[in-house]
Amino acid sequence: MISKAVDITNAMRKQGIEPDVVSYNALMNGHCLQNKLDNTRGVLRLMIENGCAPNIVTYNTMINGYCKVKRLDEAMELFHEISRKGPIPDKVTYNTLMQSMFRLGRVSTACEFLRKMLASGLVLDIVTYSILLDGLFKTGKLEEALKLFQSMRESGLKLNIVSYSILIDGLCKAGYVGVAQEIFYELSEKGLKPDVYTYTIMIDGLSKEGLPDEAYQLFRSMTDHDCFCYNVMIQGFLRNNYNLKATQLLAEMVGKGFAADICTATLFVHLILGSDKSILMKA
């Protein structure tokens, strides 16, 4: 409730602490984390009434909150509001909104918004490029995504493991697992080290391509495994009918303190219902 924000600010004043923009932004962020987005408007009104001018972080916090729950129209209302009255939208503002547009499948809107960002004088950085690349791949714009990646390389932009992970993921999902695999093994030549996420993308791609042995070889080459990586490998085994190996790896995963996710659990239920119960007793 907004009354709690009032209580907190009053308590601060009693202790001789005048709430500043950082204090109000923290309150607002707390509401966003709890998806109590209507309360953020109340905090905004409260800070203005108390003579504290909101800054771009204030609005970015609200915009991000709305975008996370797919309330893009309300996020855009805030964008138009600050475009008219200030503070001036920054890269975070544009990146957050573009990412939300892509996630909602509004590709043309996102591209138009990119033009607006460029017209404002802002220069694209690796974060913006990565959002565009990921958005194009995930909305099925393979050719456009590959052209964008090529332009990123030619621009002299220092590409990081996130950029390449997006590329590898996009290629795998488009059915170009062999090409993705080549790029994966060339990462070290570019001075980049695959992280757990990059490995997991490649393991998933190989498994879905019907290459569980290659996927498992890659899995075992990793120096560190997390819960997500284990689950993806187990799912790869199950989808390729490597049921015994899946069960053994599940036991190993549980022994390390990890748990099966909903997808892994569902596949095991299907295995049990498919009368392969004996497999589970051999692990």
C-alpha atoms as a PDB file:
ATOM      1  CA  MET A   1       0.000   0.000   0.000  1.00  0.00           C
ATOM      2  CA  ILE A   2       1.089   3.577  -0.646  1.00  0.00           C
ATOM      3  CA  SER A   3       0.409   4.317   3.042  1.00  0.00           C
ATOM      4  CA  LYS A   4       3.473   2.206   3.865  1.00  0.00           C
ATOM      5  CA  ALA A   5       5.613   4.461   1.665  1.00  0.00           C
ATOM      6  CA  VAL A   6       4.230   7.456   3.569  1.00  0.00           C
ATOM      7  CA  ASP A   7       4.991   5.742   6.880  1.00  0.00           C
ATOM      8  CA  ILE A   8       8.563   5.007   5.795  1.00  0.00           C
ATOM      9  CA  THR A   9       9.232   8.568   4.650  1.00  0.00           C
ATOM     10  CA  ASN A  10       7.669   9.968   7.855  1.00  0.00           C
ATOM     11  CA  ALA A  11       9.811   7.633   9.956  1.00  0.00           C
ATOM     12  CA  MET A  12      12.918   8.849   8.110  1.00  0.00           C
ATOM     13  CA  ARG A  13      11.991  12.471   8.823  1.00  0.00           C
ATOM     14  CA  LYS A  14      11.518  11.758  12.544  1.00  0.00           C
ATOM     15  CA  GLN A  15      15.097  10.518  12.581  1.00  0.00           C
ATOM     16  CA  GLY A  16      16.252  13.700  10.892  1.00  0.00           C
ATOM     17  CA  ILE A  17      16.720  12.064   7.499  1.00  0.00           C
ATOM     18  CA  GLU A  18      15.071  13.810   4.573  1.00  0.00           C
ATOM     19  CA  PRO A  19      14.142  11.248   1.881  1.00  0.00           C
ATOM     20  CA  ASP A  20      15.943  11.960  -1.391  1.00  0.00           C
ATOM     21  CA  VAL A  21      15.456  10.670  -4.928  1.00  0.00           C
ATOM     22  CA  VAL A  22      17.520   7.551  -4.124  1.00  0.00           C
ATOM     23  CA  SER A  23      15.210   6.728  -1.203  1.00  0.00           C
ATOM     24  CA  TYR A  24      12.063   7.134  -3.305  1.00  0.00           C
ATOM     25  CA  ASN A  25      13.566   5.129  -6.171  1.00  0.00           C
ATOM     26  CA  ALA A  26      14.338   2.291  -3.747  1.00  0.00           C
ATOM     27  CA  LEU A  27      10.721   2.321  -2.528  1.00  0.00           C
ATOM     28  CA  MET A  28       9.511   2.295  -6.101  1.00  0.00           C
ATOM     29  CA  ASN A  29      11.805  -0.587  -7.018  1.00  0.00           C
ATOM     30  CA  GLY A  30      10.456  -2.558  -4.072  1.00  0.00           C
ATOM     31  CA  HIS A  31       6.909  -2.177  -5.381  1.00  0.00           C
ATOM     32  CA  CYS A  32       8.039  -3.223  -8.867  1.00  0.00           C
ATOM     33  CA  LEU A  33       9.727  -6.359  -7.513  1.00  0.00           C
ATOM     34  CA  GLN A  34       6.418  -7.304  -5.903  1.00  0.00           C
ATOM     35  CA  ASN A  35       4.493  -6.454  -9.098  1.00  0.00           C
ATOM     36  CA  LYS A  36       2.587  -3.760  -7.214  1.00  0.00           C
ATOM     37  CA  LEU A  37       2.896  -1.391 -10.130  1.00  0.00           C
ATOM     38  CA  ASP A  38      -0.121   0.747  -9.333  1.00  0.00           C
ATOM     39  CA  ASN A  39       1.644   1.718  -6.108  1.00  0.00           C
ATOM     40  CA  THR A  40       4.584   3.157  -8.046  1.00  0.00           C
ATOM     41  CA  ARG A  41       2.347   5.956  -9.306  1.00  0.00           C
ATOM     42  CA  GLY A  42       1.536   6.760  -5.698  1.00  0.00           C
ATOM     43  CA  VAL A  43       5.225   6.909  -4.791  1.00  0.00           C
ATOM     44  CA  LEU A  44       5.793   9.202  -7.770  1.00  0.00           C
ATOM     45  CA  ARG A  45       3.044  11.551  -6.588  1.00  0.00           C
ATOM     46  CA  LEU A  46       4.381  11.430  -3.035  1.00  0.00           C
ATOM     47  CA  MET A  47       7.917  12.378  -4.005  1.00  0.00           C
ATOM     48  CA  ILE A  48       6.700  15.290  -6.164  1.00  0.00           C
ATOM     49  CA  GLU A  49       4.424  16.509  -3.355  1.00  0.00           C
ATOM     50  CA  ASN A  50       7.389  16.420  -0.994  1.00  0.00           C
ATOM     51  CA  GLY A  51       9.476  18.519  -3.368  1.00  0.00           C
ATOM     52  CA  CYS A  52      11.711  15.742  -4.633  1.00  0.00           C
ATOM     53  CA  ALA A  53      12.152  15.780  -8.416  1.00  0.00           C
ATOM     54  CA  PRO A  54      12.082  12.340 -10.048  1.00  0.00           C
ATOM     55  CA  ASN A  55      15.065  11.512 -12.255  1.00  0.00           C
ATOM     56  CA  ILE A  56      15.464   9.182 -15.222  1.00  0.00           C
ATOM     57  CA  VAL A  57      16.196   6.249 -12.869  1.00  0.00           C
ATOM     58  CA  THR A  58      12.761   6.823 -11.309  1.00  0.00           C
ATOM     59  CA  TYR A  59      11.022   6.513 -14.649  1.00  0.00           C
ATOM     60  CA  ASN A  60      13.255   3.682 -15.886  1.00  0.00           C
ATOM     61  CA  THR A  61      12.330   1.720 -12.771  1.00  0.00           C
ATOM     62  CA  MET A  62       8.630   2.184 -13.468  1.00  0.00           C
ATOM     63  CA  ILE A  63       8.997   1.436 -17.182  1.00  0.00           C
ATOM     64  CA  ASN A  64      10.941  -1.744 -16.436  1.00  0.00           C
ATOM     65  CA  GLY A  65       8.272  -2.830 -13.971  1.00  0.00           C
ATOM     66  CA  TYR A  66       5.494  -2.396 -16.524  1.00  0.00           C
ATOM     67  CA  CYS A  67       7.508  -4.148 -19.247  1.00  0.00           C
ATOM     68  CA  LYS A  68       8.190  -7.181 -17.052  1.00  0.00           C
ATOM     69  CA  VAL A  69       4.464  -7.822 -16.685  1.00  0.00           C
ATOM     70  CA  LYS A  70       3.805  -7.089 -20.380  1.00  0.00           C
ATOM     71  CA  ARG A  71       2.001  -3.795 -19.761  1.00  0.00           C
ATOM     72  CA  LEU A  72       3.836  -2.150 -22.645  1.00  0.00           C
ATOM     73  CA  ASP A  73       1.146   0.440 -23.386  1.00  0.00           C
ATOM     74  CA  GLU A  74       1.444   1.878 -19.885  1.00  0.00           C
ATOM     75  CA  ALA A  75       5.245   1.826 -20.151  1.00  0.00           C
ATOM     76  CA  MET A  76       4.958   3.774 -23.413  1.00  0.00           C
ATOM     77  CA  GLU A  77       2.664   6.315 -21.739  1.00  0.00           C
ATOM     78  CA  LEU A  78       5.479   7.011 -19.278  1.00  0.00           C
ATOM     79  CA  PHE A  79       7.965   7.274 -22.144  1.00  0.00           C
ATOM     80  CA  HIS A  80       5.790   9.864 -23.925  1.00  0.00           C
ATOM     81  CA  GLU A  81       5.331  11.717 -20.645  1.00  0.00           C
ATOM     82  CA  ILE A  82       9.071  12.129 -20.038  1.00  0.00           C
ATOM     83  CA  SER A  83       9.680  12.872 -23.728  1.00  0.00           C
ATOM     84  CA  ARG A  84       7.410  15.905 -23.303  1.00  0.00           C
ATOM     85  CA  LYS A  85       8.321  17.046 -19.785  1.00  0.00           C
ATOM     86  CA  GLY A  86      11.645  15.425 -18.942  1.00  0.00           C
ATOM     87  CA  PRO A  87      13.867  13.923 -17.740  1.00  0.00           C
ATOM     88  CA  ILE A  88      15.382  12.941 -21.097  1.00  0.00           C
ATOM     89  CA  PRO A  89      15.105   9.204 -21.920  1.00  0.00           C
ATOM     90  CA  ASP A  90      18.485   7.425 -21.925  1.00  0.00           C
ATOM     91  CA  LYS A  91      19.809   4.155 -23.364  1.00  0.00           C
ATOM     92  CA  VAL A  92      18.295   2.155 -20.523  1.00  0.00           C
ATOM     93  CA  THR A  93      14.861   3.597 -21.315  1.00  0.00           C
ATOM     94  CA  TYR A  94      15.085   2.714 -25.008  1.00  0.00           C
ATOM     95  CA  ASN A  95      16.685  -0.703 -24.418  1.00  0.00           C
ATOM     96  CA  THR A  96      14.028  -1.731 -21.894  1.00  0.00           C
ATOM     97  CA  LEU A  97      11.160  -0.759 -24.174  1.00  0.00           C
ATOM     98  CA  MET A  98      12.692  -2.323 -27.300  1.00  0.00           C
ATOM     99  CA  GLN A  99      13.287  -5.593 -25.489  1.00  0.00           C
ATOM    100  CA  SER A 100       9.662  -5.630 -24.359  1.00  0.00           C
ATOM    101  CA  MET A 101       8.446  -4.917 -27.906  1.00  0.00           C
ATOM    102  CA  PHE A 102      10.406  -7.839 -29.297  1.00  0.00           C
ATOM    103  CA  ARG A 103       9.178 -10.163 -26.551  1.00  0.00           C
ATOM    104  CA  LEU A 104       5.616  -9.262 -27.469  1.00  0.00           C
ATOM    105  CA  GLY A 105       6.341  -9.879 -31.147  1.00  0.00           C
ATOM    106  CA  ARG A 106       6.025  -6.221 -32.126  1.00  0.00           C
ATOM    107  CA  VAL A 107       9.016  -6.259 -34.466  1.00  0.00           C
ATOM    108  CA  SER A 108       8.053  -3.292 -36.653  1.00  0.00           C
ATOM    109  CA  THR A 109       7.311  -1.204 -33.549  1.00  0.00           C
ATOM    110  CA  ALA A 110      10.721  -2.110 -32.103  1.00  0.00           C
ATOM    111  CA  CYS A 111      12.494  -1.158 -35.350  1.00  0.00           C
ATOM    112  CA  GLU A 112      10.635   2.155 -35.487  1.00  0.00           C
ATOM    113  CA  PHE A 113      11.599   2.769 -31.866  1.00  0.00           C
ATOM    114  CA  LEU A 114      15.232   2.084 -32.763  1.00  0.00           C
ATOM    115  CA  ARG A 115      15.033   4.827 -35.396  1.00  0.00           C
ATOM    116  CA  LYS A 116      13.640   7.160 -32.753  1.00  0.00           C
ATOM    117  CA  MET A 117      16.537   6.267 -30.455  1.00  0.00           C
ATOM    118  CA  LEU A 118      19.086   7.065 -33.173  1.00  0.00           C
ATOM    119  CA  ALA A 119      17.299  10.312 -34.000  1.00  0.00           C
ATOM    120  CA  SER A 120      17.623  11.351 -30.344  1.00  0.00           C
ATOM    121  CA  GLY A 121      21.414  11.294 -30.736  1.00  0.00           C
ATOM    122  CA  LEU A 122      22.076   8.184 -28.653  1.00  0.00           C
ATOM    123  CA  VAL A 123      24.792   5.828 -29.905  1.00  0.00           C
ATOM    124  CA  LEU A 124      24.078   2.089 -29.963  1.00  0.00           C
ATOM    125  CA  ASP A 125      26.213   0.024 -27.595  1.00  0.00           C
ATOM    126  CA  ILE A 126      26.725  -3.719 -27.195  1.00  0.00           C
ATOM    127  CA  VAL A 127      23.632  -3.994 -24.949  1.00  0.00           C
ATOM    128  CA  THR A 128      21.362  -2.405 -27.556  1.00  0.00           C
ATOM    129  CA  TYR A 129      22.829  -4.515 -30.352  1.00  0.00           C
ATOM    130  CA  SER A 130      22.372  -7.684 -28.271  1.00  0.00           C
ATOM    131  CA  ILE A 131      18.717  -6.845 -27.618  1.00  0.00           C
ATOM    132  CA  LEU A 132      18.148  -6.288 -31.346  1.00  0.00           C
ATOM    133  CA  LEU A 133      19.978  -9.484 -32.296  1.00  0.00           C
ATOM    134  CA  ASP A 134      18.079 -11.586 -29.768  1.00  0.00           C
ATOM    135  CA  GLY A 135      14.772 -10.001 -30.763  1.00  0.00           C
ATOM    136  CA  LEU A 136      15.292 -10.662 -34.472  1.00  0.00           C
ATOM    137  CA  PHE A 137      16.273 -14.293 -33.924  1.00  0.00           C
ATOM    138  CA  LYS A 138      13.383 -14.988 -31.560  1.00  0.00           C
ATOM    139  CA  THR A 139      10.839 -13.492 -33.932  1.00  0.00           C
ATOM    140  CA  GLY A 140      12.064 -15.621 -36.833  1.00  0.00           C
ATOM    141  CA  LYS A 141      13.947 -12.861 -38.674  1.00  0.00           C
ATOM    142  CA  LEU A 142      16.996 -15.030 -39.381  1.00  0.00           C
ATOM    143  CA  GLU A 143      18.328 -13.147 -42.408  1.00  0.00           C
ATOM    144  CA  GLU A 144      17.967  -9.766 -40.688  1.00  0.00           C
ATOM    145  CA  ALA A 145      19.650 -11.111 -37.544  1.00  0.00           C
ATOM    146  CA  LEU A 146      22.639 -12.444 -39.474  1.00  0.00           C
ATOM    147  CA  LYS A 147      23.012  -9.156 -41.353  1.00  0.00           C
ATOM    148  CA  LEU A 148      22.923  -7.299 -38.046  1.00  0.00           C
ATOM    149  CA  PHE A 149      25.593  -9.560 -36.553  1.00  0.00           C
ATOM    150  CA  GLN A 150      27.795  -9.003 -39.591  1.00  0.00           C
ATOM    151  CA  SER A 151      27.401  -5.233 -39.267  1.00  0.00           C
ATOM    152  CA  MET A 152      28.271  -5.522 -35.569  1.00  0.00           C
ATOM    153  CA  ARG A 153      31.551  -7.212 -36.462  1.00  0.00           C
ATOM    154  CA  GLU A 154      32.351  -4.745 -39.229  1.00  0.00           C
ATOM    155  CA  SER A 155      31.631  -1.750 -36.993  1.00  0.00           C
ATOM    156  CA  GLY A 156      34.596  -2.601 -34.792  1.00  0.00           C
ATOM    157  CA  LEU A 157      32.312  -3.152 -31.806  1.00  0.00           C
ATOM    158  CA  LYS A 158      33.936  -5.427 -29.227  1.00  0.00           C
ATOM    159  CA  LEU A 159      31.659  -8.464 -29.217  1.00  0.00           C
ATOM    160  CA  ASN A 160      31.332 -10.412 -25.983  1.00  0.00           C
ATOM    161  CA  ILE A 161      30.216 -13.909 -25.021  1.00  0.00           C
ATOM    162  CA  VAL A 162      26.620 -12.697 -24.699  1.00  0.00           C
ATOM    163  CA  SER A 163      26.557 -11.628 -28.361  1.00  0.00           C
ATOM    164  CA  TYR A 164      27.952 -14.954 -29.523  1.00  0.00           C
ATOM    165  CA  SER A 165      25.627 -16.923 -27.231  1.00  0.00           C
ATOM    166  CA  ILE A 166      22.657 -15.171 -28.848  1.00  0.00           C
ATOM    167  CA  LEU A 167      24.053 -16.002 -32.308  1.00  0.00           C
ATOM    168  CA  ILE A 168      24.654 -19.664 -31.424  1.00  0.00           C
ATOM    169  CA  ASP A 169      21.193 -19.988 -29.867  1.00  0.00           C
ATOM    170  CA  GLY A 170      19.536 -18.366 -32.878  1.00  0.00           C
ATOM    171  CA  LEU A 171      21.354 -20.645 -35.324  1.00  0.00           C
ATOM    172  CA  CYS A 172      20.522 -23.778 -33.314  1.00  0.00           C
ATOM    173  CA  LYS A 173      16.836 -22.904 -33.137  1.00  0.00           C
ATOM    174  CA  ALA A 174      16.801 -22.189 -36.881  1.00  0.00           C
ATOM    175  CA  GLY A 175      18.230 -25.657 -37.576  1.00  0.00           C
ATOM    176  CA  TYR A 176      21.814 -24.622 -38.345  1.00  0.00           C
ATOM    177  CA  VAL A 177      23.375 -26.621 -35.516  1.00  0.00           C
ATOM    178  CA  GLY A 178      26.511 -27.478 -37.505  1.00  0.00           C
ATOM    179  CA  VAL A 179      27.239 -23.813 -38.183  1.00  0.00           C
ATOM    180  CA  ALA A 180      26.549 -22.973 -34.536  1.00  0.00           C
ATOM    181  CA  GLN A 181      28.947 -25.726 -33.464  1.00  0.00           C
ATOM    182  CA  GLU A 182      31.723 -24.333 -35.667  1.00  0.00           C
ATOM    183  CA  ILE A 183      31.249 -20.868 -34.153  1.00  0.00           C
ATOM    184  CA  PHE A 184      31.229 -22.362 -30.646  1.00  0.00           C
ATOM    185  CA  TYR A 185      34.595 -24.064 -31.137  1.00  0.00           C
ATOM    186  CA  GLU A 186      36.083 -20.895 -32.652  1.00  0.00           C
ATOM    187  CA  LEU A 187      35.288 -18.786 -29.583  1.00  0.00           C
ATOM    188  CA  SER A 188      38.663 -19.402 -27.953  1.00  0.00           C
ATOM    189  CA  GLU A 189      40.384 -18.054 -31.091  1.00  0.00           C
ATOM    190  CA  LYS A 190      38.475 -14.813 -30.545  1.00  0.00           C
ATOM    191  CA  GLY A 191      39.654 -14.622 -26.951  1.00  0.00           C
ATOM    192  CA  LEU A 192      36.246 -15.552 -25.583  1.00  0.00           C
ATOM    193  CA  LYS A 193      35.466 -18.247 -23.020  1.00  0.00           C
ATOM    194  CA  PRO A 194      32.053 -19.946 -23.208  1.00  0.00           C
ATOM    195  CA  ASP A 195      30.100 -19.669 -19.975  1.00  0.00           C
ATOM    196  CA  VAL A 196      27.625 -22.207 -18.578  1.00  0.00           C
ATOM    197  CA  TYR A 197      24.807 -20.601 -20.556  1.00  0.00           C
ATOM    198  CA  THR A 198      26.722 -20.873 -23.852  1.00  0.00           C
ATOM    199  CA  TYR A 199      27.537 -24.529 -23.181  1.00  0.00           C
ATOM    200  CA  THR A 200      23.921 -25.253 -22.326  1.00  0.00           C
ATOM    201  CA  ILE A 201      22.678 -23.656 -25.555  1.00  0.00           C
ATOM    202  CA  MET A 202      25.032 -25.871 -27.573  1.00  0.00           C
ATOM    203  CA  ILE A 203      24.152 -29.007 -25.585  1.00  0.00           C
ATOM    204  CA  ASP A 204      20.456 -28.343 -26.149  1.00  0.00           C
ATOM    205  CA  GLY A 205      21.004 -27.726 -29.867  1.00  0.00           C
ATOM    206  CA  LEU A 206      22.979 -30.956 -30.356  1.00  0.00           C
ATOM    207  CA  SER A 207      20.440 -32.983 -28.394  1.00  0.00           C
ATOM    208  CA  LYS A 208      17.524 -31.662 -30.427  1.00  0.00           C
ATOM    209  CA  GLU A 209      19.479 -32.406 -33.608  1.00  0.00           C
ATOM    210  CA  GLY A 210      19.587 -36.078 -32.547  1.00  0.00           C
ATOM    211  CA  LEU A 211      23.221 -35.960 -31.410  1.00  0.00           C
ATOM    212  CA  PRO A 212      23.024 -36.799 -27.680  1.00  0.00           C
ATOM    213  CA  ASP A 213      26.482 -38.417 -27.614  1.00  0.00           C
ATOM    214  CA  GLU A 214      28.124 -35.240 -28.881  1.00  0.00           C
ATOM    215  CA  ALA A 215      26.025 -33.221 -26.458  1.00  0.00           C
ATOM    216  CA  TYR A 216      27.136 -35.425 -23.551  1.00  0.00           C
ATOM    217  CA  GLN A 217      30.784 -35.185 -24.593  1.00  0.00           C
ATOM    218  CA  LEU A 218      30.441 -31.401 -24.478  1.00  0.00           C
ATOM    219  CA  PHE A 219      28.642 -31.627 -21.125  1.00  0.00           C
ATOM    220  CA  ARG A 220      31.518 -33.623 -19.617  1.00  0.00           C
ATOM    221  CA  SER A 221      34.096 -31.171 -21.009  1.00  0.00           C
ATOM    222  CA  MET A 222      32.661 -28.437 -18.784  1.00  0.00           C
ATOM    223  CA  THR A 223      34.551 -27.544 -15.629  1.00  0.00           C
ATOM    224  CA  ASP A 224      31.377 -26.459 -13.845  1.00  0.00           C
ATOM    225  CA  HIS A 225      27.731 -27.489 -14.104  1.00  0.00           C
ATOM    226  CA  ASP A 226      24.626 -25.826 -12.756  1.00  0.00           C
ATOM    227  CA  CYS A 227      21.071 -27.055 -12.267  1.00  0.00           C
ATOM    228  CA  PHE A 228      19.903 -25.701 -15.627  1.00  0.00           C
ATOM    229  CA  CYS A 229      22.683 -27.457 -17.543  1.00  0.00           C
ATOM    230  CA  TYR A 230      21.957 -30.808 -15.877  1.00  0.00           C
ATOM    231  CA  ASN A 231      18.273 -30.524 -16.674  1.00  0.00           C
ATOM    232  CA  VAL A 232      18.925 -29.712 -20.342  1.00  0.00           C
ATOM    233  CA  MET A 233      21.273 -32.706 -20.725  1.00  0.00           C
ATOM    234  CA  ILE A 234      18.812 -35.061 -19.016  1.00  0.00           C
ATOM    235  CA  GLN A 235      16.015 -33.791 -21.257  1.00  0.00           C
ATOM    236  CA  GLY A 236      18.262 -34.396 -24.268  1.00  0.00           C
ATOM    237  CA  PHE A 237      18.808 -37.991 -23.201  1.00  0.00           C
ATOM    238  CA  LEU A 238      15.104 -38.597 -22.633  1.00  0.00           C
ATOM    239  CA  ARG A 239      14.081 -37.096 -25.973  1.00  0.00           C
ATOM    240  CA  ASN A 240      16.576 -39.387 -27.723  1.00  0.00           C
ATOM    241  CA  ASN A 241      15.457 -42.465 -25.735  1.00  0.00           C
ATOM    242  CA  TYR A 242      18.697 -42.664 -23.743  1.00  0.00           C
ATOM    243  CA  ASN A 243      16.568 -43.468 -20.721  1.00  0.00           C
ATOM    244  CA  LEU A 244      19.127 -45.282 -18.595  1.00  0.00           C
ATOM    245  CA  LYS A 245      21.704 -42.515 -19.068  1.00  0.00           C
ATOM    246  CA  ALA A 246      19.044 -39.927 -18.224  1.00  0.00           C
ATOM    247  CA  THR A 247      18.190 -41.750 -15.006  1.00  0.00           C
ATOM    248  CA  GLN A 248      21.845 -42.094 -14.024  1.00  0.00           C
ATOM    249  CA  LEU A 249      22.489 -38.413 -14.685  1.00  0.00           C
ATOM    250  CA  LEU A 250      19.392 -37.507 -12.668  1.00  0.00           C
ATOM    251  CA  ALA A 251      20.819 -39.428  -9.702  1.00  0.00           C
ATOM    252  CA  GLU A 252      24.133 -37.602 -10.117  1.00  0.00           C
ATOM    253  CA  MET A 253      22.351 -34.239 -10.283  1.00  0.00           C
ATOM    254  CA  VAL A 254      20.290 -34.904  -7.154  1.00  0.00           C
ATOM    255  CA  GLY A 255      23.457 -36.057  -5.376  1.00  0.00           C
ATOM    256  CA  LYS A 256      24.937 -32.618  -6.019  1.00  0.00           C
ATOM    257  CA  GLY A 257      21.946 -30.911  -4.456  1.00  0.00           C
ATOM    258  CA  PHE A 258      20.174 -29.906  -7.677  1.00  0.00           C
ATOM    259  CA  ALA A 259      16.531 -30.602  -8.484  1.00  0.00           C
ATOM    260  CA  ALA A 260      14.655 -31.565 -11.616  1.00  0.00           C
ATOM    261  CA  ASP A 261      12.731 -28.728 -13.245  1.00  0.00           C
ATOM    262  CA  ILE A 262       9.143 -29.057 -14.461  1.00  0.00           C
ATOM    263  CA  CYS A 263      10.153 -30.109 -17.980  1.00  0.00           C
ATOM    264  CA  THR A 264      12.495 -32.857 -16.750  1.00  0.00           C
ATOM    265  CA  ALA A 265       9.901 -34.093 -14.258  1.00  0.00           C
ATOM    266  CA  THR A 266       7.218 -34.191 -16.966  1.00  0.00           C
ATOM    267  CA  LEU A 267       9.433 -36.223 -19.307  1.00  0.00           C
ATOM    268  CA  PHE A 268      10.146 -38.716 -16.525  1.00  0.00           C
ATOM    269  CA  VAL A 269       6.422 -39.021 -15.816  1.00  0.00           C
ATOM    270  CA  HIS A 270       5.883 -39.807 -19.501  1.00  0.00           C
ATOM    271  CA  LEU A 271       8.685 -42.380 -19.272  1.00  0.00           C
ATOM    272  CA  ILE A 272       7.046 -44.047 -16.278  1.00  0.00           C
ATOM    273  CA  LEU A 273       3.609 -44.017 -17.873  1.00  0.00           C
ATOM    274  CA  GLY A 274       5.186 -45.503 -21.001  1.00  0.00           C
ATOM    275  CA  SER A 275       5.915 -48.643 -18.953  1.00  0.00           C
ATOM    276  CA  ASP A 276       9.696 -48.160 -18.828  1.00  0.00           C
ATOM    277  CA  LYS A 277       9.641 -48.222 -15.008  1.00  0.00           C
ATOM    278  CA  SER A 278      12.435 -50.823 -14.899  1.00  0.00           C
ATOM    279  CA  ILE A 279      14.853 -48.221 -16.308  1.00  0.00           C
ATOM    280  CA  LEU A 280      14.440 -46.139 -13.188  1.00  0.00           C
ATOM    281  CA  MET A 281      15.461 -49.037 -10.950  1.00  0.00           C
ATOM    282  CA  LYS A 282      18.871 -49.469 -12.635  1.00  0.00           C
ATOM    283  CA  ALA A 283      20.376 -46.109 -11.752  1.00  0.00           C
END
